[in-house]
Amino acid sequence: MEPSASFYVIAFESTHAAMAANKALAAAGCAFAMIPTPREISAGCGMSLRFAAPSDAEAQVTAQGVSEAHSLAALYAKEYSGYRLIEKL
């Protein structure tokens, strides 16, 4: 049985970084959704990207592959009680 996917959020510090990451992921054919940044996450801009991955490690690989996010975003895991910070990108 395969593990179920968890949801992750990349929260951005700038709208420019969010839009550039959106464009890069769309061009790469990744499945994601642009969402308003959840209230539990404090970030400089109100835009985030939500995507699914089977593990934190695979989510980190995806997030680190978004060069537009480097030093302008943070990766969070969606959990029952809210969001857990995985790393600053």
PDB file of N, CA and C in Angstrom:
ATOM      1  N   MET A   1       0.842  -1.178   0.000  1.00  0.00           N
ATOM      2  CA  MET A   1       0.000   0.000   0.000  1.00  0.00           C
ATOM      3  C   MET A   1       0.890   1.245   0.000  1.00  0.00           C
ATOM      4  N   GLU A   2       0.641   2.173  -0.901  1.00  0.00           N
ATOM      5  CA  GLU A   2       1.420   3.405  -0.993  1.00  0.00           C
ATOM      6  C   GLU A   2       0.989   4.372   0.094  1.00  0.00           C
ATOM      7  N   PRO A   3       1.945   5.152   0.642  1.00  0.00           N
ATOM      8  CA  PRO A   3       1.558   6.156   1.637  1.00  0.00           C
ATOM      9  C   PRO A   3       0.724   7.246   0.977  1.00  0.00           C
ATOM     10  N   SER A   4      -0.198   7.796   1.732  1.00  0.00           N
ATOM     11  CA  SER A   4      -1.018   8.871   1.167  1.00  0.00           C
ATOM     12  C   SER A   4      -0.217  10.163   1.145  1.00  0.00           C
ATOM     13  N   ALA A   5      -0.556  11.018   0.229  1.00  0.00           N
ATOM     14  CA  ALA A   5       0.147  12.287   0.092  1.00  0.00           C
ATOM     15  C   ALA A   5      -0.313  13.256   1.161  1.00  0.00           C
ATOM     16  N   SER A   6       0.608  14.072   1.606  1.00  0.00           N
ATOM     17  CA  SER A   6       0.311  15.154   2.539  1.00  0.00           C
ATOM     18  C   SER A   6       0.342  16.457   1.765  1.00  0.00           C
ATOM     19  N   PHE A   7      -0.264  17.476   2.349  1.00  0.00           N
ATOM     20  CA  PHE A   7      -0.276  18.771   1.688  1.00  0.00           C
ATOM     21  C   PHE A   7       0.763  19.697   2.295  1.00  0.00           C
ATOM     22  N   TYR A   8       1.371  20.497   1.417  1.00  0.00           N
ATOM     23  CA  TYR A   8       2.427  21.422   1.806  1.00  0.00           C
ATOM     24  C   TYR A   8       2.123  22.788   1.226  1.00  0.00           C
ATOM     25  N   VAL A   9       2.650  23.818   1.878  1.00  0.00           N
ATOM     26  CA  VAL A   9       2.447  25.195   1.445  1.00  0.00           C
ATOM     27  C   VAL A   9       3.801  25.891   1.393  1.00  0.00           C
ATOM     28  N   ILE A  10       4.056  26.563   0.283  1.00  0.00           N
ATOM     29  CA  ILE A  10       5.209  27.458   0.188  1.00  0.00           C
ATOM     30  C   ILE A  10       4.643  28.861   0.339  1.00  0.00           C
ATOM     31  N   ALA A  11       4.997  29.527   1.439  1.00  0.00           N
ATOM     32  CA  ALA A  11       4.535  30.892   1.711  1.00  0.00           C
ATOM     33  C   ALA A  11       5.638  31.867   1.313  1.00  0.00           C
ATOM     34  N   PHE A  12       5.269  32.895   0.578  1.00  0.00           N
ATOM     35  CA  PHE A  12       6.242  33.825  -0.003  1.00  0.00           C
ATOM     36  C   PHE A  12       6.295  35.157   0.735  1.00  0.00           C
ATOM     37  N   GLU A  13       7.471  35.778   0.677  1.00  0.00           N
ATOM     38  CA  GLU A  13       7.672  37.101   1.269  1.00  0.00           C
ATOM     39  C   GLU A  13       7.323  38.215   0.287  1.00  0.00           C
ATOM     40  N   SER A  14       7.223  37.892  -1.002  1.00  0.00           N
ATOM     41  CA  SER A  14       6.880  38.924  -1.980  1.00  0.00           C
ATOM     42  C   SER A  14       5.953  38.352  -3.048  1.00  0.00           C
ATOM     43  N   THR A  15       5.094  39.206  -3.559  1.00  0.00           N
ATOM     44  CA  THR A  15       4.182  38.805  -4.622  1.00  0.00           C
ATOM     45  C   THR A  15       4.970  38.433  -5.874  1.00  0.00           C
ATOM     46  N   HIS A  16       6.028  39.150  -6.159  1.00  0.00           N
ATOM     47  CA  HIS A  16       6.860  38.875  -7.328  1.00  0.00           C
ATOM     48  C   HIS A  16       7.406  37.451  -7.265  1.00  0.00           C
ATOM     49  N   ALA A  17       7.919  37.035  -6.116  1.00  0.00           N
ATOM     50  CA  ALA A  17       8.459  35.680  -5.957  1.00  0.00           C
ATOM     51  C   ALA A  17       7.352  34.635  -6.131  1.00  0.00           C
ATOM     52  N   ALA A  18       6.180  34.900  -5.584  1.00  0.00           N
ATOM     53  CA  ALA A  18       5.057  33.966  -5.710  1.00  0.00           C
ATOM     54  C   ALA A  18       4.647  33.791  -7.169  1.00  0.00           C
ATOM     55  N   MET A  19       4.549  34.882  -7.899  1.00  0.00           N
ATOM     56  CA  MET A  19       4.143  34.812  -9.305  1.00  0.00           C
ATOM     57  C   MET A  19       5.219  34.122 -10.155  1.00  0.00           C
ATOM     58  N   ALA A  20       6.496  34.394  -9.874  1.00  0.00           N
ATOM     59  CA  ALA A  20       7.579  33.749 -10.615  1.00  0.00           C
ATOM     60  C   ALA A  20       7.601  32.247 -10.337  1.00  0.00           C
ATOM     61  N   ALA A  21       7.391  31.849  -9.087  1.00  0.00           N
ATOM     62  CA  ALA A  21       7.349  30.430  -8.744  1.00  0.00           C
ATOM     63  C   ALA A  21       6.143  29.757  -9.395  1.00  0.00           C
ATOM     64  N   ASN A  22       5.014  30.443  -9.414  1.00  0.00           N
ATOM     65  CA  ASN A  22       3.803  29.947 -10.068  1.00  0.00           C
ATOM     66  C   ASN A  22       4.099  29.640 -11.531  1.00  0.00           C
ATOM     67  N   LYS A  23       4.733  30.554 -12.201  1.00  0.00           N
ATOM     68  CA  LYS A  23       5.059  30.396 -13.619  1.00  0.00           C
ATOM     69  C   LYS A  23       6.042  29.236 -13.828  1.00  0.00           C
ATOM     70  N   ALA A  24       7.056  29.138 -12.970  1.00  0.00           N
ATOM     71  CA  ALA A  24       8.065  28.084 -13.105  1.00  0.00           C
ATOM     72  C   ALA A  24       7.454  26.698 -12.885  1.00  0.00           C
ATOM     73  N   LEU A  25       6.604  26.566 -11.863  1.00  0.00           N
ATOM     74  CA  LEU A  25       5.982  25.268 -11.600  1.00  0.00           C
ATOM     75  C   LEU A  25       4.997  24.882 -12.698  1.00  0.00           C
ATOM     76  N   ALA A  26       4.272  25.854 -13.227  1.00  0.00           N
ATOM     77  CA  ALA A  26       3.339  25.573 -14.318  1.00  0.00           C
ATOM     78  C   ALA A  26       4.099  25.086 -15.553  1.00  0.00           C
ATOM     79  N   ALA A  27       5.224  25.716 -15.861  1.00  0.00           N
ATOM     80  CA  ALA A  27       6.029  25.319 -17.015  1.00  0.00           C
ATOM     81  C   ALA A  27       6.610  23.921 -16.827  1.00  0.00           C
ATOM     82  N   ALA A  28       6.880  23.541 -15.571  1.00  0.00           N
ATOM     83  CA  ALA A  28       7.440  22.219 -15.282  1.00  0.00           C
ATOM     84  C   ALA A  28       6.361  21.137 -15.214  1.00  0.00           C
ATOM     85  N   GLY A  29       5.109  21.546 -15.294  1.00  0.00           N
ATOM     86  CA  GLY A  29       4.011  20.583 -15.264  1.00  0.00           C
ATOM     87  C   GLY A  29       3.675  20.058 -13.883  1.00  0.00           C
ATOM     88  N   CYS A  30       4.080  20.756 -12.837  1.00  0.00           N
ATOM     89  CA  CYS A  30       3.785  20.329 -11.469  1.00  0.00           C
ATOM     90  C   CYS A  30       2.331  20.637 -11.116  1.00  0.00           C
ATOM     91  N   ALA A  31       1.739  19.775 -10.310  1.00  0.00           N
ATOM     92  CA  ALA A  31       0.365  19.990  -9.842  1.00  0.00           C
ATOM     93  C   ALA A  31       0.417  20.819  -8.556  1.00  0.00           C
ATOM     94  N   PHE A  32      -0.163  21.994  -8.601  1.00  0.00           N
ATOM     95  CA  PHE A  32      -0.168  22.890  -7.445  1.00  0.00           C
ATOM     96  C   PHE A  32      -1.358  23.825  -7.570  1.00  0.00           C
ATOM     97  N   ALA A  33      -1.614  24.568  -6.518  1.00  0.00           N
ATOM     98  CA  ALA A  33      -2.675  25.577  -6.547  1.00  0.00           C
ATOM     99  C   ALA A  33      -2.170  26.831  -5.858  1.00  0.00           C
ATOM    100  N   MET A  34      -2.463  27.973  -6.443  1.00  0.00           N
ATOM    101  CA  MET A  34      -2.159  29.254  -5.808  1.00  0.00           C
ATOM    102  C   MET A  34      -3.305  29.517  -4.833  1.00  0.00           C
ATOM    103  N   ILE A  35      -2.959  29.777  -3.563  1.00  0.00           N
ATOM    104  CA  ILE A  35      -3.974  30.007  -2.533  1.00  0.00           C
ATOM    105  C   ILE A  35      -3.618  31.244  -1.718  1.00  0.00           C
ATOM    106  N   PRO A  36      -4.599  31.826  -1.030  1.00  0.00           N
ATOM    107  CA  PRO A  36      -4.252  32.882  -0.075  1.00  0.00           C
ATOM    108  C   PRO A  36      -3.436  32.253   1.055  1.00  0.00           C
ATOM    109  N   THR A  37      -2.459  32.968   1.576  1.00  0.00           N
ATOM    110  CA  THR A  37      -1.658  32.441   2.671  1.00  0.00           C
ATOM    111  C   THR A  37      -2.556  32.197   3.875  1.00  0.00           C
ATOM    112  N   PRO A  38      -2.513  30.986   4.438  1.00  0.00           N
ATOM    113  CA  PRO A  38      -3.348  30.693   5.607  1.00  0.00           C
ATOM    114  C   PRO A  38      -3.040  31.631   6.782  1.00  0.00           C
ATOM    115  N   ARG A  39      -4.052  31.940   7.572  1.00  0.00           N
ATOM    116  CA  ARG A  39      -3.889  32.855   8.701  1.00  0.00           C
ATOM    117  C   ARG A  39      -2.849  32.389   9.702  1.00  0.00           C
ATOM    118  N   GLU A  40      -2.687  31.071   9.843  1.00  0.00           N
ATOM    119  CA  GLU A  40      -1.730  30.531  10.807  1.00  0.00           C
ATOM    120  C   GLU A  40      -0.276  30.783  10.414  1.00  0.00           C
ATOM    121  N   ILE A  41      -0.068  31.148   9.161  1.00  0.00           N
ATOM    122  CA  ILE A  41       1.281  31.390   8.650  1.00  0.00           C
ATOM    123  C   ILE A  41       1.456  32.893   8.477  1.00  0.00           C
ATOM    124  N   SER A  42       2.511  33.425   9.073  1.00  0.00           N
ATOM    125  CA  SER A  42       2.773  34.851   8.857  1.00  0.00           C
ATOM    126  C   SER A  42       3.847  34.971   7.780  1.00  0.00           C
ATOM    127  N   ALA A  43       3.494  35.606   6.697  1.00  0.00           N
ATOM    128  CA  ALA A  43       4.422  35.825   5.586  1.00  0.00           C
ATOM    129  C   ALA A  43       4.182  37.226   5.058  1.00  0.00           C
ATOM    130  N   GLY A  44       5.178  37.772   4.389  1.00  0.00           N
ATOM    131  CA  GLY A  44       5.099  39.143   3.917  1.00  0.00           C
ATOM    132  C   GLY A  44       4.053  39.396   2.853  1.00  0.00           C
ATOM    133  N   CYS A  45       3.694  38.379   2.110  1.00  0.00           N
ATOM    134  CA  CYS A  45       2.725  38.554   1.031  1.00  0.00           C
ATOM    135  C   CYS A  45       1.559  37.612   1.278  1.00  0.00           C
ATOM    136  N   GLY A  46       0.456  37.849   0.679  1.00  0.00           N
ATOM    137  CA  GLY A  46      -0.743  37.052   0.927  1.00  0.00           C
ATOM    138  C   GLY A  46      -0.921  35.886  -0.018  1.00  0.00           C
ATOM    139  N   MET A  47       0.127  35.509  -0.765  1.00  0.00           N
ATOM    140  CA  MET A  47       0.000  34.426  -1.748  1.00  0.00           C
ATOM    141  C   MET A  47       0.898  33.255  -1.375  1.00  0.00           C
ATOM    142  N   SER A  48       0.371  32.051  -1.540  1.00  0.00           N
ATOM    143  CA  SER A  48       1.127  30.832  -1.275  1.00  0.00           C
ATOM    144  C   SER A  48       0.822  29.804  -2.355  1.00  0.00           C
ATOM    145  N   LEU A  49       1.684  28.808  -2.463  1.00  0.00           N
ATOM    146  CA  LEU A  49       1.457  27.681  -3.366  1.00  0.00           C
ATOM    147  C   LEU A  49       1.205  26.448  -2.514  1.00  0.00           C
ATOM    148  N   ARG A  50       0.169  25.691  -2.856  1.00  0.00           N
ATOM    149  CA  ARG A  50      -0.180  24.465  -2.147  1.00  0.00           C
ATOM    150  C   ARG A  50       0.043  23.293  -3.101  1.00  0.00           C
ATOM    151  N   PHE A  51       0.702  22.238  -2.596  1.00  0.00           N
ATOM    152  CA  PHE A  51       0.944  21.057  -3.409  1.00  0.00           C
ATOM    153  C   PHE A  51       0.972  19.818  -2.515  1.00  0.00           C
ATOM    154  N   ALA A  52       0.889  18.662  -3.131  1.00  0.00           N
ATOM    155  CA  ALA A  52       0.917  17.397  -2.400  1.00  0.00           C
ATOM    156  C   ALA A  52       2.249  16.698  -2.641  1.00  0.00           C
ATOM    157  N   ALA A  53       2.712  15.989  -1.615  1.00  0.00           N
ATOM    158  CA  ALA A  53       3.921  15.171  -1.717  1.00  0.00           C
ATOM    159  C   ALA A  53       3.789  14.030  -0.715  1.00  0.00           C
ATOM    160  N   PRO A  54       4.434  12.895  -1.005  1.00  0.00           N
ATOM    161  CA  PRO A  54       4.302  11.755  -0.103  1.00  0.00           C
ATOM    162  C   PRO A  54       5.068  11.886   1.210  1.00  0.00           C
ATOM    163  N   SER A  55       6.056  12.802   1.283  1.00  0.00           N
ATOM    164  CA  SER A  55       6.851  12.942   2.505  1.00  0.00           C
ATOM    165  C   SER A  55       7.435  14.354   2.591  1.00  0.00           C
ATOM    166  N   ASP A  56       7.886  14.706   3.797  1.00  0.00           N
ATOM    167  CA  ASP A  56       8.546  15.995   3.987  1.00  0.00           C
ATOM    168  C   ASP A  56       9.773  16.111   3.095  1.00  0.00           C
ATOM    169  N   ALA A  57      10.533  15.023   2.981  1.00  0.00           N
ATOM    170  CA  ALA A  57      11.760  15.044   2.174  1.00  0.00           C
ATOM    171  C   ALA A  57      11.456  15.344   0.712  1.00  0.00           C
ATOM    172  N   GLU A  58      10.418  14.727   0.174  1.00  0.00           N
ATOM    173  CA  GLU A  58      10.064  14.989  -1.222  1.00  0.00           C
ATOM    174  C   GLU A  58       9.492  16.394  -1.397  1.00  0.00           C
ATOM    175  N   ALA A  59       8.789  16.899  -0.398  1.00  0.00           N
ATOM    176  CA  ALA A  59       8.288  18.273  -0.457  1.00  0.00           C
ATOM    177  C   ALA A  59       9.456  19.252  -0.456  1.00  0.00           C
ATOM    178  N   GLN A  60      10.489  18.958   0.330  1.00  0.00           N
ATOM    179  CA  GLN A  60      11.669  19.817   0.358  1.00  0.00           C
ATOM    180  C   GLN A  60      12.366  19.841  -0.991  1.00  0.00           C
ATOM    181  N   VAL A  61      12.466  18.698  -1.643  1.00  0.00           N
ATOM    182  CA  VAL A  61      13.088  18.632  -2.973  1.00  0.00           C
ATOM    183  C   VAL A  61      12.304  19.505  -3.950  1.00  0.00           C
ATOM    184  N   THR A  62      10.983  19.396  -3.923  1.00  0.00           N
ATOM    185  CA  THR A  62      10.136  20.213  -4.798  1.00  0.00           C
ATOM    186  C   THR A  62      10.343  21.693  -4.508  1.00  0.00           C
ATOM    187  N   ALA A  63      10.273  22.062  -3.234  1.00  0.00           N
ATOM    188  CA  ALA A  63      10.395  23.477  -2.855  1.00  0.00           C
ATOM    189  C   ALA A  63      11.771  24.029  -3.184  1.00  0.00           C
ATOM    190  N   GLN A  64      12.818  23.260  -2.943  1.00  0.00           N
ATOM    191  CA  GLN A  64      14.168  23.729  -3.231  1.00  0.00           C
ATOM    192  C   GLN A  64      14.423  23.846  -4.727  1.00  0.00           C
ATOM    193  N   GLY A  65      13.639  23.148  -5.527  1.00  0.00           N
ATOM    194  CA  GLY A  65      13.754  23.247  -6.973  1.00  0.00           C
ATOM    195  C   GLY A  65      13.147  24.510  -7.551  1.00  0.00           C
ATOM    196  N   VAL A  66      12.438  25.259  -6.717  1.00  0.00           N
ATOM    197  CA  VAL A  66      11.831  26.520  -7.147  1.00  0.00           C
ATOM    198  C   VAL A  66      12.815  27.630  -6.818  1.00  0.00           C
ATOM    199  N   SER A  67      13.698  27.925  -7.762  1.00  0.00           N
ATOM    200  CA  SER A  67      14.761  28.901  -7.502  1.00  0.00           C
ATOM    201  C   SER A  67      14.205  30.280  -7.157  1.00  0.00           C
ATOM    202  N   GLU A  68      13.005  30.583  -7.637  1.00  0.00           N
ATOM    203  CA  GLU A  68      12.384  31.877  -7.357  1.00  0.00           C
ATOM    204  C   GLU A  68      12.026  32.026  -5.877  1.00  0.00           C
ATOM    205  N   ALA A  69      12.007  30.927  -5.139  1.00  0.00           N
ATOM    206  CA  ALA A  69      11.636  30.966  -3.728  1.00  0.00           C
ATOM    207  C   ALA A  69      12.837  31.128  -2.802  1.00  0.00           C
ATOM    208  N   HIS A  70      14.048  30.937  -3.315  1.00  0.00           N
ATOM    209  CA  HIS A  70      15.225  30.971  -2.455  1.00  0.00           C
ATOM    210  C   HIS A  70      15.344  32.301  -1.727  1.00  0.00           C
ATOM    211  N   SER A  71      15.415  32.214  -0.431  1.00  0.00           N
ATOM    212  CA  SER A  71      15.510  33.322   0.525  1.00  0.00           C
ATOM    213  C   SER A  71      14.272  34.224   0.519  1.00  0.00           C
ATOM    214  N   LEU A  72      13.214  33.822  -0.163  1.00  0.00           N
ATOM    215  CA  LEU A  72      11.987  34.626  -0.222  1.00  0.00           C
ATOM    216  C   LEU A  72      10.744  33.837   0.183  1.00  0.00           C
ATOM    217  N   ALA A  73      10.940  32.658   0.792  1.00  0.00           N
ATOM    218  CA  ALA A  73       9.782  31.830   1.100  1.00  0.00           C
ATOM    219  C   ALA A  73      10.110  30.849   2.221  1.00  0.00           C
ATOM    220  N   ALA A  74       9.067  30.162   2.671  1.00  0.00           N
ATOM    221  CA  ALA A  74       9.216  29.115   3.679  1.00  0.00           C
ATOM    222  C   ALA A  74       8.273  27.970   3.323  1.00  0.00           C
ATOM    223  N   LEU A  75       8.678  26.759   3.658  1.00  0.00           N
ATOM    224  CA  LEU A  75       7.892  25.559   3.380  1.00  0.00           C
ATOM    225  C   LEU A  75       7.222  25.092   4.666  1.00  0.00           C
ATOM    226  N   TYR A  76       5.920  24.843   4.579  1.00  0.00           N
ATOM    227  CA  TYR A  76       5.133  24.375   5.715  1.00  0.00           C
ATOM    228  C   TYR A  76       4.409  23.093   5.352  1.00  0.00           C
ATOM    229  N   ALA A  77       4.199  22.235   6.359  1.00  0.00           N
ATOM    230  CA  ALA A  77       3.385  21.035   6.205  1.00  0.00           C
ATOM    231  C   ALA A  77       2.037  21.296   6.858  1.00  0.00           C
ATOM    232  N   LYS A  78       0.969  20.892   6.186  1.00  0.00           N
ATOM    233  CA  LYS A  78      -0.376  21.014   6.739  1.00  0.00           C
ATOM    234  C   LYS A  78      -0.599  19.841   7.680  1.00  0.00           C
ATOM    235  N   GLU A  79      -0.937  20.145   8.914  1.00  0.00           N
ATOM    236  CA  GLU A  79      -1.220  19.116   9.900  1.00  0.00           C
ATOM    237  C   GLU A  79      -2.596  19.356  10.484  1.00  0.00           C
ATOM    238  N   TYR A  80      -3.079  18.387  11.214  1.00  0.00           N
ATOM    239  CA  TYR A  80      -4.414  18.479  11.801  1.00  0.00           C
ATOM    240  C   TYR A  80      -4.567  19.746  12.643  1.00  0.00           C
ATOM    241  N   SER A  81      -3.543  20.084  13.397  1.00  0.00           N
ATOM    242  CA  SER A  81      -3.623  21.229  14.309  1.00  0.00           C
ATOM    243  C   SER A  81      -3.206  22.556  13.675  1.00  0.00           C
ATOM    244  N   GLY A  82      -2.812  22.548  12.434  1.00  0.00           N
ATOM    245  CA  GLY A  82      -2.374  23.783  11.774  1.00  0.00           C
ATOM    246  C   GLY A  82      -1.255  23.515  10.787  1.00  0.00           C
ATOM    247  N   TYR A  83      -0.243  24.381  10.799  1.00  0.00           N
ATOM    248  CA  TYR A  83       0.884  24.270   9.877  1.00  0.00           C
ATOM    249  C   TYR A  83       2.185  24.162  10.660  1.00  0.00           C
ATOM    250  N   ARG A  84       3.087  23.302  10.189  1.00  0.00           N
ATOM    251  CA  ARG A  84       4.390  23.110  10.803  1.00  0.00           C
ATOM    252  C   ARG A  84       5.453  23.605   9.841  1.00  0.00           C
ATOM    253  N   LEU A  85       6.324  24.488  10.317  1.00  0.00           N
ATOM    254  CA  LEU A  85       7.422  24.982   9.488  1.00  0.00           C
ATOM    255  C   LEU A  85       8.429  23.861   9.276  1.00  0.00           C
ATOM    256  N   ILE A  86       8.743  23.608   8.010  1.00  0.00           N
ATOM    257  CA  ILE A  86       9.751  22.610   7.686  1.00  0.00           C
ATOM    258  C   ILE A  86      11.100  23.296   7.496  1.00  0.00           C
ATOM    259  N   GLU A  87      11.126  24.343   6.669  1.00  0.00           N
ATOM    260  CA  GLU A  87      12.373  25.078   6.475  1.00  0.00           C
ATOM    261  C   GLU A  87      12.121  26.415   5.796  1.00  0.00           C
ATOM    262  N   LYS A  88      13.025  27.347   6.056  1.00  0.00           N
ATOM    263  CA  LYS A  88      13.068  28.596   5.303  1.00  0.00           C
ATOM    264  C   LYS A  88      13.840  28.299   4.041  1.00  0.00           C
ATOM    265  N   LEU A  89      13.339  28.741   2.908  1.00  0.00           N
ATOM    266  CA  LEU A  89      14.012  28.454   1.636  1.00  0.00           C
ATOM    267  C   LEU A  89      14.993  29.533   1.266  1.00  0.00           C
TER     268      LEU A  89
END
